[in-house]
Amino acid sequence: MWLGHLEEYPDYQTQGETLEELQANLKDIYADITSGAIPNVKHVGELQLA
């Protein structure tokens, strides 16, 4: 199992059985957070994607 969170949003954690699944889950969380689907999000920094 892999556990992870977005550094800019440490309150939102996820997991995956593989690293690829964890990365996909982190992308899903980021999409939900930035779309406004999750209310009252605590933001601690800026995310830059390459």
N, C-alpha and C. Protein backbone atom coordinates (compact mmCIF):
# COMPACT_ATOMS: atom_id res chain seq x y z
N MET A 1 0.85 -1.19 0.00
CA MET A 1 0.00 0.00 0.00
C MET A 1 0.88 1.24 0.00
N TRP A 2 0.41 2.25 -0.72
CA TRP A 2 1.05 3.55 -0.77
C TRP A 2 0.09 4.57 -0.16
N LEU A 3 0.60 5.46 0.68
CA LEU A 3 -0.18 6.52 1.27
C LEU A 3 0.38 7.85 0.78
N GLY A 4 -0.47 8.83 0.56
CA GLY A 4 0.03 10.10 0.10
C GLY A 4 -0.95 11.24 0.34
N HIS A 5 -0.42 12.45 0.21
CA HIS A 5 -1.24 13.65 0.29
C HIS A 5 -0.59 14.72 -0.58
N LEU A 6 -1.35 15.74 -0.89
CA LEU A 6 -0.82 16.87 -1.64
C LEU A 6 -0.20 17.84 -0.64
N GLU A 7 1.04 18.22 -0.86
CA GLU A 7 1.74 19.09 0.07
C GLU A 7 0.96 20.37 0.35
N GLU A 8 0.32 20.91 -0.67
CA GLU A 8 -0.42 22.15 -0.53
C GLU A 8 -1.76 21.96 0.19
N TYR A 9 -2.23 20.73 0.28
CA TYR A 9 -3.50 20.39 0.93
C TYR A 9 -3.28 19.18 1.84
N PRO A 10 -2.55 19.34 2.93
CA PRO A 10 -2.17 18.19 3.77
C PRO A 10 -3.33 17.51 4.49
N ASP A 11 -4.48 18.17 4.56
CA ASP A 11 -5.62 17.57 5.25
C ASP A 11 -6.31 16.49 4.42
N TYR A 12 -5.95 16.38 3.14
CA TYR A 12 -6.62 15.44 2.24
C TYR A 12 -5.64 14.34 1.84
N GLN A 13 -5.82 13.16 2.41
CA GLN A 13 -4.93 12.04 2.17
C GLN A 13 -5.64 10.97 1.37
N THR A 14 -4.85 10.13 0.70
CA THR A 14 -5.41 9.03 -0.07
C THR A 14 -4.41 7.88 -0.07
N GLN A 15 -4.80 6.79 -0.68
CA GLN A 15 -3.94 5.60 -0.74
C GLN A 15 -4.14 4.87 -2.05
N GLY A 16 -3.24 3.95 -2.33
CA GLY A 16 -3.35 3.11 -3.51
C GLY A 16 -2.54 1.85 -3.33
N GLU A 17 -2.96 0.80 -3.98
CA GLU A 17 -2.22 -0.46 -3.89
C GLU A 17 -0.91 -0.39 -4.66
N THR A 18 -0.85 0.49 -5.67
CA THR A 18 0.38 0.70 -6.44
C THR A 18 0.67 2.20 -6.47
N LEU A 19 1.89 2.54 -6.85
CA LEU A 19 2.25 3.95 -6.97
C LEU A 19 1.38 4.63 -8.03
N GLU A 20 1.11 3.93 -9.11
CA GLU A 20 0.28 4.49 -10.17
C GLU A 20 -1.14 4.79 -9.68
N GLU A 21 -1.69 3.88 -8.89
CA GLU A 21 -3.03 4.10 -8.34
C GLU A 21 -3.03 5.28 -7.37
N LEU A 22 -2.00 5.40 -6.56
CA LEU A 22 -1.88 6.53 -5.65
C LEU A 22 -1.83 7.84 -6.43
N GLN A 23 -1.03 7.88 -7.48
CA GLN A 23 -0.92 9.09 -8.29
C GLN A 23 -2.27 9.45 -8.91
N ALA A 24 -3.00 8.47 -9.39
CA ALA A 24 -4.33 8.72 -9.97
C ALA A 24 -5.28 9.26 -8.90
N ASN A 25 -5.22 8.68 -7.71
CA ASN A 25 -6.09 9.14 -6.63
C ASN A 25 -5.74 10.56 -6.21
N LEU A 26 -4.45 10.90 -6.19
CA LEU A 26 -4.04 12.27 -5.86
C LEU A 26 -4.53 13.26 -6.91
N LYS A 27 -4.50 12.86 -8.17
CA LYS A 27 -5.02 13.72 -9.24
C LYS A 27 -6.52 13.93 -9.07
N ASP A 28 -7.24 12.88 -8.68
CA ASP A 28 -8.68 12.99 -8.46
C ASP A 28 -8.98 13.95 -7.30
N ILE A 29 -8.22 13.83 -6.22
CA ILE A 29 -8.42 14.72 -5.07
C ILE A 29 -8.16 16.16 -5.48
N TYR A 30 -7.08 16.38 -6.22
CA TYR A 30 -6.75 17.74 -6.67
C TYR A 30 -7.88 18.30 -7.54
N ALA A 31 -8.40 17.50 -8.42
CA ALA A 31 -9.51 17.95 -9.28
C ALA A 31 -10.73 18.32 -8.44
N ASP A 32 -11.05 17.50 -7.44
CA ASP A 32 -12.20 17.78 -6.57
C ASP A 32 -11.98 19.06 -5.76
N ILE A 33 -10.77 19.24 -5.24
CA ILE A 33 -10.47 20.42 -4.42
C ILE A 33 -10.56 21.69 -5.25
N THR A 34 -9.95 21.69 -6.41
CA THR A 34 -9.89 22.90 -7.22
C THR A 34 -11.20 23.21 -7.94
N SER A 35 -12.08 22.23 -8.08
CA SER A 35 -13.37 22.47 -8.73
C SER A 35 -14.41 23.03 -7.76
N GLY A 36 -14.11 23.01 -6.48
CA GLY A 36 -15.07 23.48 -5.48
C GLY A 36 -15.99 22.38 -4.98
N ALA A 37 -15.75 21.14 -5.40
CA ALA A 37 -16.59 20.01 -4.96
C ALA A 37 -16.44 19.74 -3.46
N ILE A 38 -15.30 20.11 -2.91
CA ILE A 38 -15.06 19.94 -1.47
C ILE A 38 -15.08 21.34 -0.84
N PRO A 39 -16.04 21.61 0.05
CA PRO A 39 -16.13 22.95 0.65
C PRO A 39 -15.09 23.16 1.75
N ASN A 40 -14.78 24.42 2.01
CA ASN A 40 -13.90 24.82 3.12
C ASN A 40 -12.52 24.18 3.07
N VAL A 41 -11.89 24.24 1.92
CA VAL A 41 -10.57 23.64 1.74
C VAL A 41 -9.50 24.53 2.36
N LYS A 42 -8.61 23.93 3.15
CA LYS A 42 -7.48 24.64 3.72
C LYS A 42 -6.31 24.52 2.76
N HIS A 43 -5.85 25.66 2.24
CA HIS A 43 -4.78 25.70 1.24
C HIS A 43 -3.53 26.27 1.90
N VAL A 44 -2.39 25.60 1.77
CA VAL A 44 -1.16 26.07 2.40
C VAL A 44 -0.06 26.42 1.41
N GLY A 45 -0.31 26.38 0.09
CA GLY A 45 0.71 26.72 -0.90
C GLY A 45 0.16 26.63 -2.30
N GLU A 46 1.04 26.81 -3.27
CA GLU A 46 0.67 26.74 -4.67
C GLU A 46 1.21 25.46 -5.29
N LEU A 47 0.44 24.82 -6.13
CA LEU A 47 0.85 23.61 -6.82
C LEU A 47 1.25 23.96 -8.24
N GLN A 48 2.43 23.48 -8.66
CA GLN A 48 2.87 23.69 -10.03
C GLN A 48 3.08 22.33 -10.66
N LEU A 49 2.42 22.11 -11.79
CA LEU A 49 2.55 20.85 -12.50
C LEU A 49 3.41 21.06 -13.75
N ALA A 50 4.27 20.11 -14.02
CA ALA A 50 5.13 20.21 -15.19
C ALA A 50 4.46 19.62 -16.41
